[in-house]
Amino acid sequence: MSERNPIPLILTAIGSVVGTVAVLTYYGYVHIAKPEDALLLADYTMLKTVPGEDYRVSLKPASQVAQCIDGVLVLFDTEQKGLTGVLVDNKKRAVRCMEQQVPAGLLR
């Protein structure tokens, strides 16, 4: 019985994996996320409104716009086109919304 050299098999397996990932990336099935593609939940804070108490917010609006889609609050970034996400809490549960209509000022 002759021994087989495993190096060509190992190189073929590694080449197949690298080639598959390259083709899938080229056709858009694999997207490698960059840090600027994500917004952390920690970047958001809820201000509780109490009747009779004042609260202050910045006059400059955030670069995100929220829309209620199928009962879930979806954020769209106005600076980075194509960047969208679902707002979730610290347990990865989607923040629900009740109104299904987009305010007239947000339509483009």
PDB file of N, CA and C in Angstrom:
ATOM      1  N   MET A   1       0.836  -1.167   0.000  1.00  0.00           N
ATOM      2  CA  MET A   1       0.000   0.000   0.000  1.00  0.00           C
ATOM      3  C   MET A   1       0.887   1.239   0.000  1.00  0.00           C
ATOM      4  N   SER A   2       0.641   2.142  -0.905  1.00  0.00           N
ATOM      5  CA  SER A   2       1.452   3.362  -0.972  1.00  0.00           C
ATOM      6  C   SER A   2       0.786   4.486  -0.194  1.00  0.00           C
ATOM      7  N   GLU A   3       1.630   5.329   0.368  1.00  0.00           N
ATOM      8  CA  GLU A   3       1.096   6.471   1.126  1.00  0.00           C
ATOM      9  C   GLU A   3       0.791   7.618   0.172  1.00  0.00           C
ATOM     10  N   ARG A   4      -0.286   8.325   0.451  1.00  0.00           N
ATOM     11  CA  ARG A   4      -0.644   9.495  -0.354  1.00  0.00           C
ATOM     12  C   ARG A   4      -0.129  10.750   0.319  1.00  0.00           C
ATOM     13  N   ASN A   5       0.229  11.709  -0.486  1.00  0.00           N
ATOM     14  CA  ASN A   5       0.694  12.989   0.030  1.00  0.00           C
ATOM     15  C   ASN A   5      -0.534  13.858   0.310  1.00  0.00           C
ATOM     16  N   PRO A   6      -0.792  14.254   1.585  1.00  0.00           N
ATOM     17  CA  PRO A   6      -2.002  15.022   1.897  1.00  0.00           C
ATOM     18  C   PRO A   6      -1.908  16.512   1.549  1.00  0.00           C
ATOM     19  N   ILE A   7      -0.734  16.991   1.230  1.00  0.00           N
ATOM     20  CA  ILE A   7      -0.574  18.431   0.966  1.00  0.00           C
ATOM     21  C   ILE A   7      -1.419  18.892  -0.221  1.00  0.00           C
ATOM     22  N   PRO A   8      -1.461  18.199  -1.368  1.00  0.00           N
ATOM     23  CA  PRO A   8      -2.334  18.668  -2.458  1.00  0.00           C
ATOM     24  C   PRO A   8      -3.815  18.688  -2.069  1.00  0.00           C
ATOM     25  N   LEU A   9      -4.258  17.732  -1.265  1.00  0.00           N
ATOM     26  CA  LEU A   9      -5.657  17.730  -0.832  1.00  0.00           C
ATOM     27  C   LEU A   9      -5.958  18.922   0.074  1.00  0.00           C
ATOM     28  N   ILE A  10      -5.048  19.214   0.976  1.00  0.00           N
ATOM     29  CA  ILE A  10      -5.229  20.353   1.885  1.00  0.00           C
ATOM     30  C   ILE A  10      -5.232  21.657   1.101  1.00  0.00           C
ATOM     31  N   LEU A  11      -4.296  21.817   0.159  1.00  0.00           N
ATOM     32  CA  LEU A  11      -4.249  23.036  -0.650  1.00  0.00           C
ATOM     33  C   LEU A  11      -5.496  23.177  -1.527  1.00  0.00           C
ATOM     34  N   THR A  12      -6.008  22.071  -2.045  1.00  0.00           N
ATOM     35  CA  THR A  12      -7.238  22.108  -2.840  1.00  0.00           C
ATOM     36  C   THR A  12      -8.428  22.545  -1.983  1.00  0.00           C
ATOM     37  N   ALA A  13      -8.518  22.023  -0.762  1.00  0.00           N
ATOM     38  CA  ALA A  13      -9.619  22.410   0.139  1.00  0.00           C
ATOM     39  C   ALA A  13      -9.544  23.885   0.490  1.00  0.00           C
ATOM     40  N   ILE A  14      -8.350  24.373   0.828  1.00  0.00           N
ATOM     41  CA  ILE A  14      -8.188  25.794   1.166  1.00  0.00           C
ATOM     42  C   ILE A  14      -8.497  26.661  -0.045  1.00  0.00           C
ATOM     43  N   GLY A  15      -8.009  26.262  -1.216  1.00  0.00           N
ATOM     44  CA  GLY A  15      -8.291  27.028  -2.440  1.00  0.00           C
ATOM     45  C   GLY A  15      -9.776  27.054  -2.772  1.00  0.00           C
ATOM     46  N   SER A  16     -10.462  25.943  -2.548  1.00  0.00           N
ATOM     47  CA  SER A  16     -11.908  25.885  -2.808  1.00  0.00           C
ATOM     48  C   SER A  16     -12.676  26.836  -1.891  1.00  0.00           C
ATOM     49  N   VAL A  17     -12.305  26.854  -0.625  1.00  0.00           N
ATOM     50  CA  VAL A  17     -12.979  27.748   0.329  1.00  0.00           C
ATOM     51  C   VAL A  17     -12.718  29.199  -0.039  1.00  0.00           C
ATOM     52  N   VAL A  18     -11.463  29.551  -0.311  1.00  0.00           N
ATOM     53  CA  VAL A  18     -11.126  30.932  -0.671  1.00  0.00           C
ATOM     54  C   VAL A  18     -11.832  31.333  -1.969  1.00  0.00           C
ATOM     55  N   GLY A  19     -11.841  30.446  -2.959  1.00  0.00           N
ATOM     56  CA  GLY A  19     -12.521  30.752  -4.217  1.00  0.00           C
ATOM     57  C   GLY A  19     -14.018  30.932  -4.038  1.00  0.00           C
ATOM     58  N   THR A  20     -14.635  30.087  -3.221  1.00  0.00           N
ATOM     59  CA  THR A  20     -16.074  30.202  -2.958  1.00  0.00           C
ATOM     60  C   THR A  20     -16.413  31.518  -2.281  1.00  0.00           C
ATOM     61  N   VAL A  21     -15.642  31.893  -1.268  1.00  0.00           N
ATOM     62  CA  VAL A  21     -15.879  33.159  -0.567  1.00  0.00           C
ATOM     63  C   VAL A  21     -15.673  34.340  -1.506  1.00  0.00           C
ATOM     64  N   ALA A  22     -14.648  34.273  -2.365  1.00  0.00           N
ATOM     65  CA  ALA A  22     -14.398  35.363  -3.311  1.00  0.00           C
ATOM     66  C   ALA A  22     -15.559  35.519  -4.288  1.00  0.00           C
ATOM     67  N   VAL A  23     -16.079  34.420  -4.821  1.00  0.00           N
ATOM     68  CA  VAL A  23     -17.202  34.488  -5.762  1.00  0.00           C
ATOM     69  C   VAL A  23     -18.459  35.002  -5.067  1.00  0.00           C
ATOM     70  N   LEU A  24     -18.742  34.502  -3.861  1.00  0.00           N
ATOM     71  CA  LEU A  24     -19.924  34.964  -3.127  1.00  0.00           C
ATOM     72  C   LEU A  24     -19.816  36.451  -2.772  1.00  0.00           C
ATOM     73  N   THR A  25     -18.619  36.919  -2.437  1.00  0.00           N
ATOM     74  CA  THR A  25     -18.427  38.341  -2.150  1.00  0.00           C
ATOM     75  C   THR A  25     -18.623  39.169  -3.411  1.00  0.00           C
ATOM     76  N   TYR A  26     -18.097  38.699  -4.526  1.00  0.00           N
ATOM     77  CA  TYR A  26     -18.224  39.424  -5.788  1.00  0.00           C
ATOM     78  C   TYR A  26     -19.686  39.613  -6.183  1.00  0.00           C
ATOM     79  N   TYR A  27     -20.500  38.596  -5.996  1.00  0.00           N
ATOM     80  CA  TYR A  27     -21.906  38.670  -6.376  1.00  0.00           C
ATOM     81  C   TYR A  27     -22.800  39.253  -5.280  1.00  0.00           C
ATOM     82  N   GLY A  28     -22.228  39.681  -4.168  1.00  0.00           N
ATOM     83  CA  GLY A  28     -22.985  40.381  -3.137  1.00  0.00           C
ATOM     84  C   GLY A  28     -23.651  39.505  -2.102  1.00  0.00           C
ATOM     85  N   TYR A  29     -23.344  38.230  -2.070  1.00  0.00           N
ATOM     86  CA  TYR A  29     -23.949  37.351  -1.074  1.00  0.00           C
ATOM     87  C   TYR A  29     -23.231  37.409   0.264  1.00  0.00           C
ATOM     88  N   VAL A  30     -21.993  37.876   0.264  1.00  0.00           N
ATOM     89  CA  VAL A  30     -21.217  38.031   1.492  1.00  0.00           C
ATOM     90  C   VAL A  30     -20.857  39.499   1.624  1.00  0.00           C
ATOM     91  N   HIS A  31     -21.203  40.093   2.752  1.00  0.00           N
ATOM     92  CA  HIS A  31     -20.866  41.486   3.011  1.00  0.00           C
ATOM     93  C   HIS A  31     -20.077  41.552   4.310  1.00  0.00           C
ATOM     94  N   ILE A  32     -18.878  42.092   4.226  1.00  0.00           N
ATOM     95  CA  ILE A  32     -18.048  42.237   5.415  1.00  0.00           C
ATOM     96  C   ILE A  32     -18.352  43.608   6.011  1.00  0.00           C
ATOM     97  N   ALA A  33     -18.954  43.596   7.190  1.00  0.00           N
ATOM     98  CA  ALA A  33     -19.399  44.839   7.828  1.00  0.00           C
ATOM     99  C   ALA A  33     -18.206  45.621   8.348  1.00  0.00           C
ATOM    100  N   LYS A  34     -18.306  46.929   8.196  1.00  0.00           N
ATOM    101  CA  LYS A  34     -17.294  47.845   8.726  1.00  0.00           C
ATOM    102  C   LYS A  34     -17.895  48.540   9.942  1.00  0.00           C
ATOM    103  N   PRO A  35     -17.072  49.048  10.831  1.00  0.00           N
ATOM    104  CA  PRO A  35     -17.609  49.713  12.024  1.00  0.00           C
ATOM    105  C   PRO A  35     -18.543  50.880  11.690  1.00  0.00           C
ATOM    106  N   GLU A  36     -18.284  51.579  10.587  1.00  0.00           N
ATOM    107  CA  GLU A  36     -19.151  52.709  10.248  1.00  0.00           C
ATOM    108  C   GLU A  36     -20.496  52.257   9.691  1.00  0.00           C
ATOM    109  N   ASP A  37     -20.660  50.964   9.421  1.00  0.00           N
ATOM    110  CA  ASP A  37     -21.932  50.444   8.929  1.00  0.00           C
ATOM    111  C   ASP A  37     -22.949  50.229  10.043  1.00  0.00           C
ATOM    112  N   ALA A  38     -22.530  50.279  11.275  1.00  0.00           N
ATOM    113  CA  ALA A  38     -23.418  49.953  12.390  1.00  0.00           C
ATOM    114  C   ALA A  38     -23.543  51.128  13.354  1.00  0.00           C
ATOM    115  N   LEU A  39     -24.701  51.244  13.942  1.00  0.00           N
ATOM    116  CA  LEU A  39     -24.943  52.204  15.009  1.00  0.00           C
ATOM    117  C   LEU A  39     -25.259  51.405  16.261  1.00  0.00           C
ATOM    118  N   LEU A  40     -24.614  51.733  17.333  1.00  0.00           N
ATOM    119  CA  LEU A  40     -24.837  50.993  18.566  1.00  0.00           C
ATOM    120  C   LEU A  40     -26.077  51.488  19.277  1.00  0.00           C
ATOM    121  N   LEU A  41     -26.771  50.578  19.923  1.00  0.00           N
ATOM    122  CA  LEU A  41     -27.937  50.950  20.710  1.00  0.00           C
ATOM    123  C   LEU A  41     -27.545  51.911  21.819  1.00  0.00           C
ATOM    124  N   ALA A  42     -26.318  51.804  22.305  1.00  0.00           N
ATOM    125  CA  ALA A  42     -25.855  52.681  23.374  1.00  0.00           C
ATOM    126  C   ALA A  42     -25.805  54.136  22.921  1.00  0.00           C
ATOM    127  N   ASP A  43     -25.845  54.374  21.609  1.00  0.00           N
ATOM    128  CA  ASP A  43     -25.829  55.739  21.095  1.00  0.00           C
ATOM    129  C   ASP A  43     -27.181  56.424  21.234  1.00  0.00           C
ATOM    130  N   TYR A  44     -28.173  55.706  21.662  1.00  0.00           N
ATOM    131  CA  TYR A  44     -29.515  56.265  21.791  1.00  0.00           C
ATOM    132  C   TYR A  44     -29.954  56.258  23.248  1.00  0.00           C
ATOM    133  N   THR A  45     -30.691  57.287  23.610  1.00  0.00           N
ATOM    134  CA  THR A  45     -31.217  57.408  24.967  1.00  0.00           C
ATOM    135  C   THR A  45     -32.663  57.853  24.873  1.00  0.00           C
ATOM    136  N   MET A  46     -33.514  57.258  25.681  1.00  0.00           N
ATOM    137  CA  MET A  46     -34.911  57.670  25.706  1.00  0.00           C
ATOM    138  C   MET A  46     -35.096  58.739  26.776  1.00  0.00           C
ATOM    139  N   LEU A  47     -35.673  59.852  26.379  1.00  0.00           N
ATOM    140  CA  LEU A  47     -36.002  60.906  27.334  1.00  0.00           C
ATOM    141  C   LEU A  47     -37.448  60.725  27.763  1.00  0.00           C
ATOM    142  N   LYS A  48     -37.636  60.463  29.026  1.00  0.00           N
ATOM    143  CA  LYS A  48     -38.988  60.275  29.535  1.00  0.00           C
ATOM    144  C   LYS A  48     -39.633  61.643  29.712  1.00  0.00           C
ATOM    145  N   THR A  49     -40.823  61.777  29.174  1.00  0.00           N
ATOM    146  CA  THR A  49     -41.537  63.047  29.302  1.00  0.00           C
ATOM    147  C   THR A  49     -42.481  62.963  30.492  1.00  0.00           C
ATOM    148  N   VAL A  50     -42.348  63.934  31.369  1.00  0.00           N
ATOM    149  CA  VAL A  50     -43.188  64.011  32.560  1.00  0.00           C
ATOM    150  C   VAL A  50     -43.996  65.294  32.444  1.00  0.00           C
ATOM    151  N   PRO A  51     -45.314  65.217  32.594  1.00  0.00           N
ATOM    152  CA  PRO A  51     -46.129  66.429  32.482  1.00  0.00           C
ATOM    153  C   PRO A  51     -45.668  67.492  33.483  1.00  0.00           C
ATOM    154  N   GLY A  52     -45.499  68.695  32.972  1.00  0.00           N
ATOM    155  CA  GLY A  52     -45.106  69.815  33.821  1.00  0.00           C
ATOM    156  C   GLY A  52     -43.599  70.001  33.937  1.00  0.00           C
ATOM    157  N   GLU A  53     -42.803  69.077  33.471  1.00  0.00           N
ATOM    158  CA  GLU A  53     -41.350  69.208  33.530  1.00  0.00           C
ATOM    159  C   GLU A  53     -40.802  69.502  32.145  1.00  0.00           C
ATOM    160  N   ASP A  54     -39.795  70.382  32.105  1.00  0.00           N
ATOM    161  CA  ASP A  54     -39.154  70.726  30.845  1.00  0.00           C
ATOM    162  C   ASP A  54     -37.986  69.784  30.582  1.00  0.00           C
ATOM    163  N   TYR A  55     -37.734  69.544  29.334  1.00  0.00           N
ATOM    164  CA  TYR A  55     -36.539  68.807  28.940  1.00  0.00           C
ATOM    165  C   TYR A  55     -35.954  69.501  27.721  1.00  0.00           C
ATOM    166  N   ARG A  56     -34.654  69.348  27.547  1.00  0.00           N
ATOM    167  CA  ARG A  56     -33.980  70.044  26.451  1.00  0.00           C
ATOM    168  C   ARG A  56     -33.417  69.034  25.459  1.00  0.00           C
ATOM    169  N   VAL A  57     -33.571  69.360  24.191  1.00  0.00           N
ATOM    170  CA  VAL A  57     -32.974  68.565  23.118  1.00  0.00           C
ATOM    171  C   VAL A  57     -32.281  69.530  22.159  1.00  0.00           C
ATOM    172  N   SER A  58     -31.358  69.014  21.408  1.00  0.00           N
ATOM    173  CA  SER A  58     -30.619  69.818  20.450  1.00  0.00           C
ATOM    174  C   SER A  58     -31.536  70.269  19.314  1.00  0.00           C
ATOM    175  N   LEU A  59     -31.287  71.451  18.792  1.00  0.00           N
ATOM    176  CA  LEU A  59     -32.060  71.932  17.647  1.00  0.00           C
ATOM    177  C   LEU A  59     -31.633  71.247  16.358  1.00  0.00           C
ATOM    178  N   LYS A  60     -30.387  70.746  16.334  1.00  0.00           N
ATOM    179  CA  LYS A  60     -29.896  70.038  15.154  1.00  0.00           C
ATOM    180  C   LYS A  60     -30.458  68.616  15.161  1.00  0.00           C
ATOM    181  N   PRO A  61     -31.136  68.213  14.087  1.00  0.00           N
ATOM    182  CA  PRO A  61     -31.720  66.865  14.071  1.00  0.00           C
ATOM    183  C   PRO A  61     -30.646  65.788  13.886  1.00  0.00           C
ATOM    184  N   ALA A  62     -30.969  64.582  14.300  1.00  0.00           N
ATOM    185  CA  ALA A  62     -30.073  63.444  14.115  1.00  0.00           C
ATOM    186  C   ALA A  62     -30.015  63.076  12.637  1.00  0.00           C
ATOM    187  N   SER A  63     -28.995  62.328  12.268  1.00  0.00           N
ATOM    188  CA  SER A  63     -28.860  61.937  10.860  1.00  0.00           C
ATOM    189  C   SER A  63     -29.672  60.688  10.532  1.00  0.00           C
ATOM    190  N   GLN A  64     -30.458  60.208  11.500  1.00  0.00           N
ATOM    191  CA  GLN A  64     -31.311  59.055  11.253  1.00  0.00           C
ATOM    192  C   GLN A  64     -32.774  59.479  11.234  1.00  0.00           C
ATOM    193  N   VAL A  65     -33.545  58.792  10.415  1.00  0.00           N
ATOM    194  CA  VAL A  65     -34.981  59.013  10.328  1.00  0.00           C
ATOM    195  C   VAL A  65     -35.644  57.676  10.631  1.00  0.00           C
ATOM    196  N   ALA A  66     -36.662  57.696  11.475  1.00  0.00           N
ATOM    197  CA  ALA A  66     -37.358  56.462  11.852  1.00  0.00           C
ATOM    198  C   ALA A  66     -38.669  56.354  11.088  1.00  0.00           C
ATOM    199  N   GLN A  67     -39.009  55.118  10.765  1.00  0.00           N
ATOM    200  CA  GLN A  67     -40.269  54.850  10.077  1.00  0.00           C
ATOM    201  C   GLN A  67     -40.843  53.557  10.650  1.00  0.00           C
ATOM    202  N   CYS A  68     -42.150  53.523  10.772  1.00  0.00           N
ATOM    203  CA  CYS A  68     -42.822  52.340  11.278  1.00  0.00           C
ATOM    204  C   CYS A  68     -43.175  51.443  10.099  1.00  0.00           C
ATOM    205  N   ILE A  69     -42.563  50.257  10.056  1.00  0.00           N
ATOM    206  CA  ILE A  69     -42.824  49.309   8.974  1.00  0.00           C
ATOM    207  C   ILE A  69     -43.248  47.990   9.599  1.00  0.00           C
ATOM    208  N   ASP A  70     -44.457  47.577   9.297  1.00  0.00           N
ATOM    209  CA  ASP A  70     -45.012  46.322   9.829  1.00  0.00           C
ATOM    210  C   ASP A  70     -44.935  46.264  11.351  1.00  0.00           C
ATOM    211  N   GLY A  71     -45.147  47.392  12.001  1.00  0.00           N
ATOM    212  CA  GLY A  71     -45.170  47.425  13.459  1.00  0.00           C
ATOM    213  C   GLY A  71     -43.808  47.429  14.123  1.00  0.00           C
ATOM    214  N   VAL A  72     -42.731  47.597  13.351  1.00  0.00           N
ATOM    215  CA  VAL A  72     -41.373  47.630  13.892  1.00  0.00           C
ATOM    216  C   VAL A  72     -40.737  48.958  13.522  1.00  0.00           C
ATOM    217  N   LEU A  73     -40.004  49.562  14.452  1.00  0.00           N
ATOM    218  CA  LEU A  73     -39.359  50.847  14.215  1.00  0.00           C
ATOM    219  C   LEU A  73     -38.054  50.632  13.454  1.00  0.00           C
ATOM    220  N   VAL A  74     -37.992  51.152  12.227  1.00  0.00           N
ATOM    221  CA  VAL A  74     -36.827  50.997  11.361  1.00  0.00           C
ATOM    222  C   VAL A  74     -36.152  52.353  11.224  1.00  0.00           C
ATOM    223  N   LEU A  75     -34.821  52.366  11.366  1.00  0.00           N
ATOM    224  CA  LEU A  75     -34.040  53.595  11.233  1.00  0.00           C
ATOM    225  C   LEU A  75     -33.360  53.637   9.875  1.00  0.00           C
ATOM    226  N   PHE A  76     -33.417  54.795   9.235  1.00  0.00           N
ATOM    227  CA  PHE A  76     -32.731  55.033   7.976  1.00  0.00           C
ATOM    228  C   PHE A  76     -31.713  56.137   8.208  1.00  0.00           C
ATOM    229  N   ASP A  77     -30.486  55.948   7.756  1.00  0.00           N
ATOM    230  CA  ASP A  77     -29.450  56.965   7.898  1.00  0.00           C
ATOM    231  C   ASP A  77     -29.492  57.871   6.678  1.00  0.00           C
ATOM    232  N   THR A  78     -29.544  59.179   6.898  1.00  0.00           N
ATOM    233  CA  THR A  78     -29.630  60.122   5.791  1.00  0.00           C
ATOM    234  C   THR A  78     -28.272  60.495   5.231  1.00  0.00           C
ATOM    235  N   GLU A  79     -27.184  60.192   5.967  1.00  0.00           N
ATOM    236  CA  GLU A  79     -25.842  60.524   5.493  1.00  0.00           C
ATOM    237  C   GLU A  79     -25.227  59.375   4.701  1.00  0.00           C
ATOM    238  N   GLN A  80     -25.449  58.149   5.133  1.00  0.00           N
ATOM    239  CA  GLN A  80     -24.917  56.984   4.437  1.00  0.00           C
ATOM    240  C   GLN A  80     -26.074  56.267   3.760  1.00  0.00           C
ATOM    241  N   LYS A  81     -26.205  56.472   2.484  1.00  0.00           N
ATOM    242  CA  LYS A  81     -27.316  55.878   1.743  1.00  0.00           C
ATOM    243  C   LYS A  81     -27.249  54.361   1.815  1.00  0.00           C
ATOM    244  N   GLY A  82     -28.387  53.733   2.004  1.00  0.00           N
ATOM    245  CA  GLY A  82     -28.458  52.290   2.063  1.00  0.00           C
ATOM    246  C   GLY A  82     -28.281  51.725   3.459  1.00  0.00           C
ATOM    247  N   LEU A  83     -27.943  52.561   4.426  1.00  0.00           N
ATOM    248  CA  LEU A  83     -27.764  52.075   5.790  1.00  0.00           C
ATOM    249  C   LEU A  83     -29.102  52.125   6.505  1.00  0.00           C
ATOM    250  N   THR A  84     -29.642  50.968   6.809  1.00  0.00           N
ATOM    251  CA  THR A  84     -30.901  50.866   7.533  1.00  0.00           C
ATOM    252  C   THR A  84     -30.732  49.854   8.652  1.00  0.00           C
ATOM    253  N   GLY A  85     -31.598  49.931   9.622  1.00  0.00           N
ATOM    254  CA  GLY A  85     -31.537  48.973  10.717  1.00  0.00           C
ATOM    255  C   GLY A  85     -32.796  49.020  11.549  1.00  0.00           C
ATOM    256  N   VAL A  86     -33.000  47.982  12.314  1.00  0.00           N
ATOM    257  CA  VAL A  86     -34.145  47.878  13.210  1.00  0.00           C
ATOM    258  C   VAL A  86     -33.671  48.267  14.601  1.00  0.00           C
ATOM    259  N   LEU A  87     -34.425  49.120  15.277  1.00  0.00           N
ATOM    260  CA  LEU A  87     -34.077  49.524  16.629  1.00  0.00           C
ATOM    261  C   LEU A  87     -34.473  48.415  17.591  1.00  0.00           C
ATOM    262  N   VAL A  88     -33.495  47.934  18.370  1.00  0.00           N
ATOM    263  CA  VAL A  88     -33.729  46.846  19.322  1.00  0.00           C
ATOM    264  C   VAL A  88     -33.277  47.275  20.715  1.00  0.00           C
ATOM    265  N   ASP A  89     -33.784  46.564  21.738  1.00  0.00           N
ATOM    266  CA  ASP A  89     -33.346  46.843  23.102  1.00  0.00           C
ATOM    267  C   ASP A  89     -32.117  45.993  23.421  1.00  0.00           C
ATOM    268  N   ASN A  90     -31.686  46.004  24.674  1.00  0.00           N
ATOM    269  CA  ASN A  90     -30.456  45.293  25.034  1.00  0.00           C
ATOM    270  C   ASN A  90     -30.594  43.778  24.971  1.00  0.00           C
ATOM    271  N   LYS A  91     -31.807  43.265  24.810  1.00  0.00           N
ATOM    272  CA  LYS A  91     -32.028  41.829  24.664  1.00  0.00           C
ATOM    273  C   LYS A  91     -32.360  41.457  23.218  1.00  0.00           C
ATOM    274  N   LYS A  92     -32.043  42.358  22.295  1.00  0.00           N
ATOM    275  CA  LYS A  92     -32.248  42.156  20.858  1.00  0.00           C
ATOM    276  C   LYS A  92     -33.716  41.991  20.476  1.00  0.00           C
ATOM    277  N   ARG A  93     -34.620  42.592  21.264  1.00  0.00           N
ATOM    278  CA  ARG A  93     -36.049  42.586  20.926  1.00  0.00           C
ATOM    279  C   ARG A  93     -36.355  43.863  20.156  1.00  0.00           C
ATOM    280  N   ALA A  94     -37.073  43.729  19.067  1.00  0.00           N
ATOM    281  CA  ALA A  94     -37.387  44.883  18.226  1.00  0.00           C
ATOM    282  C   ALA A  94     -38.315  45.845  18.953  1.00  0.00           C
ATOM    283  N   VAL A  95     -38.041  47.144  18.794  1.00  0.00           N
ATOM    284  CA  VAL A  95     -38.910  48.174  19.356  1.00  0.00           C
ATOM    285  C   VAL A  95     -40.121  48.292  18.446  1.00  0.00           C
ATOM    286  N   ARG A  96     -41.292  48.113  19.009  1.00  0.00           N
ATOM    287  CA  ARG A  96     -42.537  48.143  18.240  1.00  0.00           C
ATOM    288  C   ARG A  96     -43.058  49.570  18.135  1.00  0.00           C
ATOM    289  N   CYS A  97     -43.867  49.799  17.111  1.00  0.00           N
ATOM    290  CA  CYS A  97     -44.519  51.093  16.951  1.00  0.00           C
ATOM    291  C   CYS A  97     -45.962  50.848  16.545  1.00  0.00           C
ATOM    292  N   MET A  98     -46.800  51.849  16.785  1.00  0.00           N
ATOM    293  CA  MET A  98     -48.230  51.659  16.553  1.00  0.00           C
ATOM    294  C   MET A  98     -48.704  52.308  15.268  1.00  0.00           C
ATOM    295  N   GLU A  99     -48.123  53.435  14.894  1.00  0.00           N
ATOM    296  CA  GLU A  99     -48.598  54.151  13.712  1.00  0.00           C
ATOM    297  C   GLU A  99     -47.909  53.607  12.472  1.00  0.00           C
ATOM    298  N   GLN A 100     -48.660  53.365  11.419  1.00  0.00           N
ATOM    299  CA  GLN A 100     -48.120  52.763  10.207  1.00  0.00           C
ATOM    300  C   GLN A 100     -47.868  53.789   9.109  1.00  0.00           C
ATOM    301  N   GLN A 101     -48.145  55.048   9.336  1.00  0.00           N
ATOM    302  CA  GLN A 101     -48.031  56.054   8.296  1.00  0.00           C
ATOM    303  C   GLN A 101     -46.769  56.887   8.485  1.00  0.00           C
ATOM    304  N   VAL A 102     -46.167  57.276   7.377  1.00  0.00           N
ATOM    305  CA  VAL A 102     -44.988  58.141   7.409  1.00  0.00           C
ATOM    306  C   VAL A 102     -45.476  59.586   7.433  1.00  0.00           C
ATOM    307  N   PRO A 103     -44.945  60.426   8.336  1.00  0.00           N
ATOM    308  CA  PRO A 103     -45.318  61.839   8.324  1.00  0.00           C
ATOM    309  C   PRO A 103     -45.010  62.463   6.965  1.00  0.00           C
ATOM    310  N   ALA A 104     -45.833  63.414   6.533  1.00  0.00           N
ATOM    311  CA  ALA A 104     -45.722  64.001   5.212  1.00  0.00           C
ATOM    312  C   ALA A 104     -44.355  64.653   4.972  1.00  0.00           C
ATOM    313  N   GLY A 105     -43.717  65.197   6.001  1.00  0.00           N
ATOM    314  CA  GLY A 105     -42.425  65.858   5.841  1.00  0.00           C
ATOM    315  C   GLY A 105     -41.279  64.906   5.552  1.00  0.00           C
ATOM    316  N   LEU A 106     -41.469  63.598   5.766  1.00  0.00           N
ATOM    317  CA  LEU A 106     -40.383  62.639   5.562  1.00  0.00           C
ATOM    318  C   LEU A 106     -40.410  61.997   4.199  1.00  0.00           C
ATOM    319  N   LEU A 107     -41.491  62.212   3.463  1.00  0.00           N
ATOM    320  CA  LEU A 107     -41.584  61.624   2.127  1.00  0.00           C
ATOM    321  C   LEU A 107     -40.667  62.356   1.173  1.00  0.00           C
ATOM    322  N   ARG A 108     -40.044  61.601   0.277  1.00  0.00           N
ATOM    323  CA  ARG A 108     -39.103  62.220  -0.667  1.00  0.00           C
ATOM    324  C   ARG A 108     -39.661  62.181  -2.045  1.00  0.00           C
TER     325      ARG A 108
END
